[in-house]
Amino acid sequence: MNHKKSEKGQAIILIVFAIIGLVGLTGLTVDGGLVYSDRRQAQNAADSAAFAAALAYSRNQNYATAAQNIAATNGYNNDGTTNIVTVTTTASPSGACPPLAIDNLDITVEVISHIDTTFSTVVGIQQITNTVTATTRACGTYTTSLFNGAAIVALKTTGNSTFNVNGNFTLDVNSSGVFVNSSSNCALNANGNGTMSVDTAYSVVGTACKNGNVTMNGPVQSATQVPYPPSIDIPLPSITCSGNGAVTGNTVNPGNFPSGLSLNGNGNYTFSPGNYCINNGSVSINGNINVAANDVNFRINNGTFSINGNSKVVCDNMLIHVVSGSGISFNGNGSNNCSNVTFIAEDGTVSWNGNVANTFTAPTSGIYKGLVLYMPLSNNETLVINGNSGSQITGSMIAPAATVTINGNSGTTGFHTQIIGYTININGNSNTIINFDAEEQYQTSQPPTIELTQ
């Protein structure tokens, strides 16, 4: 007789394998959730640590310590057992930061974390490892000329002819170009018989027009409008005086002049070093006077600084600040030669008239480095160069609210300058040549930047 083998106990084996499978699946679910949660936390920690490192680097602090501290705050203390945090650096690739930025650095933070499993140990998985990285780029600080280094800047946002050229003109801009902020048609308008040349481009928000026999050398390109008023933060000087000033013989001594200061006739005068406060009047130099003024500062209230006739001024390290009044003017047939000089007109016009030949060079250091003339936003008067003025100007002429005009037979072939105005007009038989050098201009400091790259 044949007996069938008993199948008792087989169900238990199947149940055991099913339980193991269920535990494995439970382990994958529970431990997988733990691993995923840790990975998100580790990534957040790496991102925060990388940002902290870049910020510390931009402040000349220890970036590695900053990264480790932030990582520890987020639960990754680099204990070598449950987690490892490393900080590495490489130089930022060429072109990744602004062209003038220096000491650019890419900083990478890597977080390796080990997560002990619970249910997954049943299937032989004792530990799972997460590895995450974050990289930030720290671009260094740098200085740059205003408005991307355009040599001629017209800031008015609307209107035709905000940069306007008329007559028999020559305009030659070397190593730079023109920026016109107006969004209107014919924002740049050239009329008459003339030649305009730029080495970079005519950057115009609106359109450019020309009428007559006008040649424009250089490309016309579309530009993005900048807000007006612009953010130009140039501090005004604080000039104070003690005691009364006086003219003794041919020497002018510093101090307070309650009703102006006028030098007339002939002779040679010397301004002694110091501060001159003209509290209710003008500084006027007339006749055939030769003046030497070194290491002097002038503050003028309710008046004008003017040089007239055949007078000549030679100076070094001079600051003229017209707080209120009629501004600054150079008239007649004289010649003036000043180095390290800055003219600031909070009020009134600024003009070069007649046959005056001015050689003015901006300071090469200090807060007014590269600034030869400044008319703040509060001054919407005019800046005018008239007649046959053969001027040699080095440094920026910044007048964001002023109408800037070059008239007549101006032989302005010696401009090493950046001209910034609300509108710019070049009229008559003008010959304007600008040899732009950013190192000679007023520059603003650009802060360092940081960004997460991966």
Protein backbone atom coordinates (compact mmCIF):
# COMPACT_ATOMS: atom_id res chain seq x y z
CA MET A 1 0.00 0.00 0.00
CA ASN A 2 1.37 3.48 -0.90
CA HIS A 3 1.12 6.38 1.59
CA LYS A 4 1.33 10.06 0.56
CA LYS A 5 4.06 12.14 2.25
CA SER A 6 2.79 14.60 4.79
CA GLU A 7 2.75 18.31 3.68
CA LYS A 8 2.42 19.54 7.20
CA GLY A 9 4.91 22.39 8.06
CA GLN A 10 5.28 23.78 4.52
CA ALA A 11 2.93 26.64 5.24
CA ILE A 12 5.10 27.69 8.19
CA ILE A 13 8.14 27.94 5.93
CA LEU A 14 6.23 30.05 3.45
CA ILE A 15 4.96 32.28 6.24
CA VAL A 16 8.51 32.75 7.55
CA PHE A 17 9.75 33.80 4.12
CA ALA A 18 6.77 36.10 3.73
CA ILE A 19 7.48 37.69 7.10
CA ILE A 20 11.13 38.22 6.12
CA GLY A 21 9.97 39.82 2.89
CA LEU A 22 7.49 42.01 4.69
CA VAL A 23 10.16 43.06 7.20
CA GLY A 24 12.51 43.81 4.31
CA LEU A 25 9.88 45.92 2.62
CA THR A 26 9.13 47.64 5.90
CA GLY A 27 12.85 48.25 6.34
CA LEU A 28 13.12 49.74 2.90
CA THR A 29 10.18 52.01 3.64
CA VAL A 30 11.23 53.10 7.13
CA ASP A 31 14.99 53.21 6.57
CA GLY A 32 14.53 54.67 3.10
CA GLY A 33 12.53 57.48 4.66
CA LEU A 34 15.28 58.07 7.22
CA VAL A 35 17.92 58.13 4.50
CA TYR A 36 15.88 60.50 2.34
CA SER A 37 15.26 62.81 5.32
CA ASP A 38 18.93 62.79 6.21
CA ARG A 39 19.90 63.52 2.63
CA ARG A 40 17.66 66.59 2.55
CA GLN A 41 19.04 67.76 5.88
CA ALA A 42 22.62 67.13 4.77
CA GLN A 43 22.04 69.04 1.52
CA ASN A 44 20.58 72.01 3.42
CA ALA A 45 23.56 71.90 5.76
CA ALA A 46 26.00 71.82 2.84
CA ASP A 47 24.24 74.71 1.09
CA SER A 48 24.24 76.83 4.26
CA ALA A 49 27.86 75.98 5.01
CA ALA A 50 28.97 76.86 1.49
CA PHE A 51 27.19 80.21 1.67
CA ALA A 52 28.75 80.90 5.07
CA ALA A 53 32.18 80.06 3.69
CA ALA A 54 31.76 82.40 0.72
CA LEU A 55 30.54 85.22 2.97
CA ALA A 56 33.48 84.72 5.33
CA TYR A 57 35.90 84.71 2.41
CA SER A 58 34.49 88.00 1.11
CA ARG A 59 35.07 89.48 4.58
CA ASN A 60 38.64 88.17 4.79
CA GLN A 61 37.67 85.69 7.51
CA ASN A 62 38.45 81.98 7.88
CA TYR A 63 36.03 80.42 5.42
CA ALA A 64 36.76 76.80 6.38
CA THR A 65 35.95 77.46 10.03
CA ALA A 66 32.77 79.31 9.05
CA ALA A 67 31.63 76.34 6.95
CA GLN A 68 32.36 73.79 9.68
CA ASN A 69 30.53 75.87 12.29
CA ILE A 70 27.37 76.17 10.18
CA ALA A 71 27.47 72.48 9.30
CA ALA A 72 27.75 71.62 13.00
CA THR A 73 24.81 73.90 13.80
CA ASN A 74 22.78 71.86 11.30
CA GLY A 75 23.74 68.52 12.86
CA TYR A 76 26.94 67.59 10.99
CA ASN A 77 29.87 68.13 13.32
CA ASN A 78 32.59 66.33 11.35
CA ASP A 79 33.09 63.72 14.08
CA GLY A 80 34.60 61.25 11.62
CA THR A 81 32.15 58.52 12.59
CA THR A 82 28.59 59.54 11.84
CA ASN A 83 29.57 62.29 9.41
CA ILE A 84 32.51 63.87 7.63
CA VAL A 85 32.51 67.52 6.45
CA THR A 86 35.21 68.71 4.06
CA VAL A 87 35.83 72.13 2.52
CA THR A 88 37.79 72.48 -0.71
CA THR A 89 38.47 75.43 -3.01
CA THR A 90 39.41 76.13 -6.61
CA ALA A 91 39.94 79.37 -8.50
CA SER A 92 36.77 80.50 -10.26
CA PRO A 93 36.88 79.80 -14.00
CA SER A 94 37.70 82.63 -16.36
CA GLY A 95 34.64 84.69 -17.25
CA ALA A 96 32.57 83.47 -14.31
CA CYS A 97 32.96 86.74 -12.38
CA PRO A 98 32.92 90.40 -13.50
CA PRO A 99 36.01 91.16 -15.60
CA LEU A 100 37.61 93.47 -13.01
CA ALA A 101 36.88 91.31 -9.97
CA ILE A 102 39.96 89.81 -8.32
CA ASP A 103 40.68 86.89 -5.97
CA ASN A 104 37.62 84.96 -7.15
CA LEU A 105 37.09 81.58 -5.51
CA ASP A 106 34.78 78.56 -5.82
CA ILE A 107 34.20 76.89 -2.45
CA THR A 108 32.82 73.33 -2.22
CA VAL A 109 31.45 71.77 0.95
CA GLU A 110 30.98 67.98 0.99
CA VAL A 111 28.93 66.26 3.69
CA ILE A 112 29.19 62.47 4.07
CA SER A 113 26.74 61.02 6.57
CA HIS A 114 26.33 57.41 7.78
CA ILE A 115 22.82 56.29 8.78
CA ASP A 116 22.40 53.12 10.88
CA THR A 117 19.44 51.08 9.68
CA THR A 118 16.67 49.45 11.75
CA PHE A 119 14.53 46.91 9.91
CA SER A 120 16.94 46.66 6.96
CA THR A 121 19.40 44.74 9.14
CA VAL A 122 17.16 41.73 8.58
CA VAL A 123 18.26 41.70 4.94
CA GLY A 124 21.89 42.42 5.82
CA ILE A 125 21.96 46.19 5.38
CA GLN A 126 23.56 47.61 8.50
CA GLN A 127 24.33 51.17 7.36
CA ILE A 128 23.59 53.52 4.46
CA THR A 129 25.82 56.42 3.39
CA ASN A 130 24.71 59.76 1.95
CA THR A 131 27.10 62.07 0.10
CA VAL A 132 26.06 65.57 -0.87
CA THR A 133 27.97 68.64 -2.07
CA ALA A 134 27.33 72.35 -2.50
CA THR A 135 29.51 74.89 -4.30
CA THR A 136 29.41 78.66 -3.97
CA ARG A 137 31.28 81.23 -6.02
CA ALA A 138 32.73 84.28 -4.28
CA CYS A 139 33.57 87.06 -6.73
CA GLY A 140 35.83 89.72 -5.25
CA THR A 141 35.30 93.44 -4.97
CA TYR A 142 36.43 95.80 -7.69
CA THR A 143 36.21 99.41 -8.77
CA THR A 144 34.74 100.57 -12.04
CA SER A 145 33.81 103.75 -13.83
CA LEU A 146 30.20 104.85 -13.74
CA PHE A 147 27.79 103.60 -16.43
CA ASN A 148 30.07 100.83 -17.65
CA GLY A 149 32.77 103.30 -18.60
CA ALA A 150 30.92 105.20 -21.32
CA ALA A 151 32.82 108.43 -21.99
CA ILE A 152 29.66 110.43 -22.77
CA VAL A 153 26.48 109.76 -20.78
CA ALA A 154 23.10 111.46 -21.27
CA LEU A 155 20.78 110.37 -18.45
CA LYS A 156 17.38 111.84 -19.33
CA THR A 157 14.94 108.94 -19.70
CA THR A 158 12.60 110.42 -22.34
CA GLY A 159 12.74 113.00 -25.08
CA ASN A 160 14.34 113.50 -28.47
CA SER A 161 17.89 114.78 -28.82
CA THR A 162 18.97 114.04 -25.28
CA PHE A 163 22.38 113.64 -26.88
CA ASN A 164 22.37 116.26 -29.64
CA VAL A 165 25.15 117.18 -32.06
CA ASN A 166 24.77 120.12 -34.45
CA GLY A 167 26.88 122.14 -36.90
CA ASN A 168 30.29 121.42 -38.36
CA PHE A 169 31.55 119.11 -35.68
CA THR A 170 34.11 116.43 -35.00
CA LEU A 171 33.57 114.03 -32.13
CA ASP A 172 36.15 111.34 -31.57
CA VAL A 173 35.86 109.03 -28.55
CA ASN A 174 38.88 106.81 -28.10
CA SER A 175 38.78 103.60 -26.02
CA SER A 176 35.13 104.13 -25.09
CA GLY A 177 31.69 105.07 -26.40
CA VAL A 178 28.41 106.89 -25.80
CA PHE A 179 25.42 105.96 -23.63
CA VAL A 180 22.02 107.62 -24.23
CA ASN A 181 19.38 106.74 -21.63
CA SER A 182 16.30 108.15 -23.41
CA SER A 183 13.76 105.66 -24.74
CA SER A 184 12.42 108.08 -27.35
CA ASN A 185 12.90 108.18 -31.10
CA CYS A 186 15.99 110.16 -32.10
CA ALA A 187 17.28 110.04 -28.52
CA LEU A 188 20.66 110.45 -30.19
CA ASN A 189 20.33 113.14 -32.87
CA ALA A 190 23.12 114.34 -35.15
CA ASN A 191 22.58 117.21 -37.60
CA GLY A 192 24.77 119.17 -40.02
CA ASN A 193 28.19 118.31 -41.38
CA GLY A 194 30.32 116.26 -39.12
CA THR A 195 31.94 113.02 -38.11
CA MET A 196 31.31 111.02 -34.97
CA SER A 197 33.60 108.14 -34.06
CA VAL A 198 33.66 105.75 -31.12
CA ASP A 199 35.87 102.77 -30.39
CA THR A 200 33.17 100.72 -28.63
CA ALA A 201 29.55 101.64 -29.47
CA TYR A 202 26.73 104.14 -29.35
CA SER A 203 24.52 102.46 -26.74
CA VAL A 204 21.05 103.97 -27.11
CA VAL A 205 17.87 102.97 -25.28
CA GLY A 206 15.69 104.59 -27.96
CA THR A 207 16.85 105.20 -31.52
CA ALA A 208 19.60 107.19 -33.22
CA CYS A 209 18.93 109.65 -36.04
CA LYS A 210 21.16 111.67 -38.33
CA ASN A 211 20.39 114.44 -40.79
CA GLY A 212 22.57 116.16 -43.35
CA ASN A 213 26.11 115.07 -44.09
CA VAL A 214 26.82 113.15 -40.91
CA THR A 215 29.14 110.17 -40.65
CA MET A 216 28.88 107.86 -37.65
CA ASN A 217 31.81 105.49 -37.21
CA GLY A 218 31.08 102.67 -34.78
CA PRO A 219 28.05 100.47 -34.14
CA VAL A 220 24.72 101.67 -32.76
CA GLN A 221 23.37 99.12 -30.29
CA SER A 222 20.29 98.80 -28.12
CA ALA A 223 20.80 99.52 -24.43
CA THR A 224 18.91 98.86 -21.21
CA GLN A 225 17.58 101.96 -19.50
CA VAL A 226 19.00 102.85 -16.08
CA PRO A 227 16.71 104.38 -13.42
CA TYR A 228 16.73 108.13 -12.92
CA PRO A 229 17.86 109.66 -10.66
CA PRO A 230 20.96 107.49 -10.71
CA SER A 231 22.61 106.15 -7.60
CA ILE A 232 25.70 108.35 -7.47
CA ASP A 233 26.90 108.68 -3.89
CA ILE A 234 29.71 111.21 -3.81
CA PRO A 235 30.17 112.78 -0.37
CA LEU A 236 30.20 116.56 -0.14
CA PRO A 237 33.17 118.14 1.65
CA SER A 238 33.04 119.68 5.09
CA ILE A 239 35.27 122.76 5.06
CA THR A 240 35.46 124.80 8.26
CA CYS A 241 37.50 127.85 9.13
CA SER A 242 38.70 129.55 12.30
CA GLY A 243 39.57 133.19 12.66
CA ASN A 244 39.48 135.83 9.96
CA GLY A 245 41.35 135.58 6.71
CA ALA A 246 43.29 138.52 5.32
CA VAL A 247 45.30 139.76 2.38
CA THR A 248 48.70 140.92 3.55
CA GLY A 249 50.71 142.40 0.72
CA ASN A 250 50.75 139.75 -1.96
CA THR A 251 49.93 136.91 0.42
CA VAL A 252 46.40 135.70 1.10
CA ASN A 253 46.00 134.01 4.48
CA PRO A 254 43.26 131.44 5.26
CA GLY A 255 40.23 131.96 7.46
CA ASN A 256 36.77 133.52 7.25
CA PHE A 257 36.03 136.22 4.70
CA PRO A 258 32.60 137.65 5.63
CA SER A 259 32.03 139.65 2.43
CA GLY A 260 33.99 137.99 -0.35
CA LEU A 261 37.55 138.06 -1.64
CA SER A 262 38.59 140.01 -4.73
CA LEU A 263 42.07 140.33 -6.25
CA ASN A 264 42.45 143.00 -8.93
CA GLY A 265 45.07 144.68 -11.07
CA ASN A 266 48.55 143.30 -11.59
CA GLY A 267 51.02 141.30 -9.61
CA ASN A 268 51.71 137.88 -8.17
CA TYR A 269 49.64 136.55 -5.29
CA THR A 270 50.11 133.45 -3.17
CA PHE A 271 47.39 131.70 -1.20
CA SER A 272 48.86 130.18 1.93
CA PRO A 273 47.83 126.57 2.65
CA GLY A 274 44.59 126.19 4.59
CA ASN A 275 40.81 126.63 4.47
CA TYR A 276 39.10 129.70 3.04
CA CYS A 277 35.45 130.27 3.99
CA ILE A 278 33.69 132.92 1.92
CA ASN A 279 30.53 133.37 3.95
CA ASN A 280 28.59 135.92 1.92
CA GLY A 281 30.28 136.80 -1.34
CA SER A 282 32.53 135.64 -4.13
CA VAL A 283 36.12 134.81 -4.91
CA SER A 284 37.04 136.92 -7.91
CA ILE A 285 40.45 137.09 -9.58
CA ASN A 286 40.62 139.91 -12.15
CA GLY A 287 43.06 141.79 -14.35
CA ASN A 288 46.56 140.49 -15.02
CA ILE A 289 47.17 138.65 -11.80
CA ASN A 290 49.23 135.49 -11.42
CA VAL A 291 48.06 133.31 -8.54
CA ALA A 292 49.71 130.35 -6.84
CA ALA A 293 47.44 128.25 -4.62
CA ASN A 294 48.67 124.97 -3.17
CA ASP A 295 47.01 122.85 -0.48
CA VAL A 296 43.95 125.09 -0.22
CA ASN A 297 40.21 124.50 0.20
CA PHE A 298 37.47 127.04 -0.56
CA ARG A 299 33.91 127.03 0.73
CA ILE A 300 31.73 129.68 -0.90
CA ASN A 301 28.26 130.65 0.33
CA ASN A 302 26.07 133.00 -1.70
CA GLY A 303 28.71 133.70 -4.29
CA THR A 304 30.82 132.68 -7.27
CA PHE A 305 34.34 131.47 -7.89
CA SER A 306 35.55 133.29 -11.02
CA ILE A 307 38.76 134.03 -12.89
CA ASN A 308 38.61 136.89 -15.38
CA GLY A 309 40.74 138.96 -17.74
CA ASN A 310 44.27 137.78 -18.35
CA SER A 311 44.70 136.29 -14.89
CA LYS A 312 46.40 132.96 -14.44
CA VAL A 313 46.09 130.43 -11.63
CA VAL A 314 48.58 127.67 -10.92
CA CYS A 315 47.61 125.27 -8.17
CA ASP A 316 48.07 121.85 -6.65
CA ASN A 317 45.78 120.05 -4.22
CA MET A 318 42.92 122.55 -4.42
CA LEU A 319 39.23 121.98 -3.65
CA ILE A 320 36.54 124.52 -4.62
CA HIS A 321 33.10 123.99 -3.05
CA VAL A 322 30.33 126.39 -4.00
CA VAL A 323 27.55 125.66 -1.53
CA SER A 324 25.19 128.35 -2.83
CA GLY A 325 25.38 131.17 -5.31
CA SER A 326 26.11 131.54 -9.00
CA GLY A 327 28.61 128.75 -9.53
CA ILE A 328 32.06 128.67 -11.13
CA SER A 329 33.29 130.54 -14.22
CA PHE A 330 36.54 131.01 -16.12
CA ASN A 331 36.46 133.99 -18.47
CA GLY A 332 38.79 136.12 -20.55
CA ASN A 333 42.13 135.22 -22.09
CA GLY A 334 44.01 133.67 -19.21
CA SER A 335 45.36 130.20 -18.62
CA ASN A 336 44.97 128.04 -15.55
CA ASN A 337 46.99 124.99 -14.67
CA CYS A 338 45.97 122.91 -11.66
CA SER A 339 46.76 119.36 -10.60
CA ASN A 340 44.90 117.38 -7.95
CA VAL A 341 41.96 119.75 -8.22
CA THR A 342 38.22 119.19 -7.73
CA PHE A 343 35.42 121.69 -8.37
CA ILE A 344 32.08 121.05 -6.64
CA ALA A 345 29.10 123.28 -7.44
CA GLU A 346 26.00 122.54 -5.38
CA ASP A 347 24.41 125.61 -6.92
CA GLY A 348 24.86 127.77 -10.03
CA THR A 349 26.33 127.25 -13.47
CA VAL A 350 29.81 126.13 -14.43
CA SER A 351 31.29 127.73 -17.53
CA TRP A 352 34.49 128.07 -19.53
CA ASN A 353 34.23 131.18 -21.72
CA GLY A 354 36.36 133.13 -24.17
CA ASN A 355 39.91 132.07 -24.94
CA VAL A 356 40.64 130.52 -21.58
CA ALA A 357 43.01 127.56 -21.68
CA ASN A 358 42.46 125.33 -18.67
CA THR A 359 44.61 122.39 -17.69
CA PHE A 360 42.89 120.63 -14.84
CA THR A 361 43.84 117.22 -13.50
CA ALA A 362 41.75 115.42 -10.91
CA PRO A 363 43.26 114.03 -7.69
CA THR A 364 45.02 110.70 -7.94
CA SER A 365 44.07 109.60 -4.42
CA GLY A 366 41.51 110.27 -1.71
CA ILE A 367 37.71 110.37 -1.80
CA TYR A 368 37.72 112.58 -4.91
CA LYS A 369 40.18 110.47 -6.85
CA GLY A 370 39.46 110.89 -10.56
CA LEU A 371 36.81 113.61 -9.99
CA VAL A 372 37.55 116.99 -11.56
CA LEU A 373 34.02 118.44 -11.51
CA TYR A 374 30.86 117.52 -9.63
CA MET A 375 27.43 119.12 -9.82
CA PRO A 376 25.13 117.09 -7.52
CA LEU A 377 21.58 116.11 -8.38
CA SER A 378 20.37 119.17 -6.50
CA ASN A 379 22.01 121.40 -9.12
CA ASN A 380 20.13 121.42 -12.43
CA GLU A 381 21.94 124.46 -13.83
CA THR A 382 24.15 124.26 -16.92
CA LEU A 383 27.71 123.17 -17.59
CA VAL A 384 29.00 125.11 -20.61
CA ILE A 385 32.25 125.23 -22.54
CA ASN A 386 32.08 128.22 -24.90
CA GLY A 387 34.18 129.94 -27.53
CA ASN A 388 37.71 128.91 -28.37
CA SER A 389 38.45 127.25 -25.08
CA GLY A 390 41.45 124.98 -25.56
CA SER A 391 41.16 122.89 -22.44
CA GLN A 392 43.08 119.90 -21.15
CA ILE A 393 40.85 118.11 -18.67
CA THR A 394 41.71 114.86 -16.90
CA GLY A 395 39.10 113.28 -14.67
CA SER A 396 35.34 112.81 -14.58
CA MET A 397 32.86 115.65 -15.02
CA ILE A 398 29.70 114.43 -13.29
CA ALA A 399 26.58 116.58 -13.54
CA PRO A 400 23.59 114.18 -13.57
CA ALA A 401 20.91 116.91 -13.48
CA ALA A 402 22.65 119.48 -15.69
CA THR A 403 22.46 120.33 -19.35
CA VAL A 404 26.00 119.98 -20.66
CA THR A 405 26.83 122.10 -23.71
CA ILE A 406 29.98 122.51 -25.79
CA ASN A 407 29.59 125.55 -28.07
CA GLY A 408 31.41 127.43 -30.79
CA ASN A 409 34.93 126.84 -31.99
CA SER A 410 35.91 124.83 -28.97
CA GLY A 411 39.22 123.10 -29.47
CA THR A 412 38.66 120.52 -26.79
CA THR A 413 41.24 118.05 -28.02
CA GLY A 414 42.66 117.32 -24.57
CA PHE A 415 39.78 115.63 -22.81
CA HIS A 416 40.80 112.62 -20.76
CA THR A 417 37.41 112.56 -19.16
CA GLN A 418 34.00 111.04 -18.65
CA ILE A 419 31.17 113.54 -19.22
CA ILE A 420 27.91 112.71 -17.43
CA GLY A 421 24.93 115.02 -17.81
CA TYR A 422 21.15 115.07 -17.93
CA THR A 423 21.41 116.04 -21.60
CA ILE A 424 24.50 116.59 -23.76
CA ASN A 425 24.71 119.15 -26.59
CA ILE A 426 27.63 119.72 -28.95
CA ASN A 427 27.08 122.77 -31.14
CA GLY A 428 28.89 124.90 -33.71
CA ASN A 429 32.36 124.24 -35.07
CA SER A 430 33.41 122.12 -32.12
CA ASN A 431 36.28 119.68 -32.20
CA THR A 432 35.86 117.33 -29.29
CA ILE A 433 38.31 114.49 -28.79
CA ILE A 434 38.04 112.30 -25.71
CA ASN A 435 40.87 109.94 -24.85
CA PHE A 436 39.18 107.77 -22.26
CA ASP A 437 41.21 105.95 -19.63
CA ALA A 438 39.22 104.32 -16.83
CA GLU A 439 42.14 104.64 -14.42
CA GLU A 440 41.94 108.44 -14.70
CA GLN A 441 38.20 108.60 -13.91
CA TYR A 442 36.11 108.62 -10.77
CA GLN A 443 35.33 105.04 -9.87
CA THR A 444 32.90 103.39 -7.53
CA SER A 445 33.61 100.30 -5.49
CA GLN A 446 31.46 97.30 -6.34
CA PRO A 447 30.78 94.92 -3.44
CA PRO A 448 31.74 91.25 -3.60
CA THR A 449 29.07 88.84 -4.79
CA ILE A 450 28.33 85.25 -3.81
CA GLU A 451 26.16 82.68 -5.54
CA LEU A 452 25.34 79.00 -5.28
CA THR A 453 26.58 77.30 -8.43
CA GLN A 454 25.63 73.70 -7.62
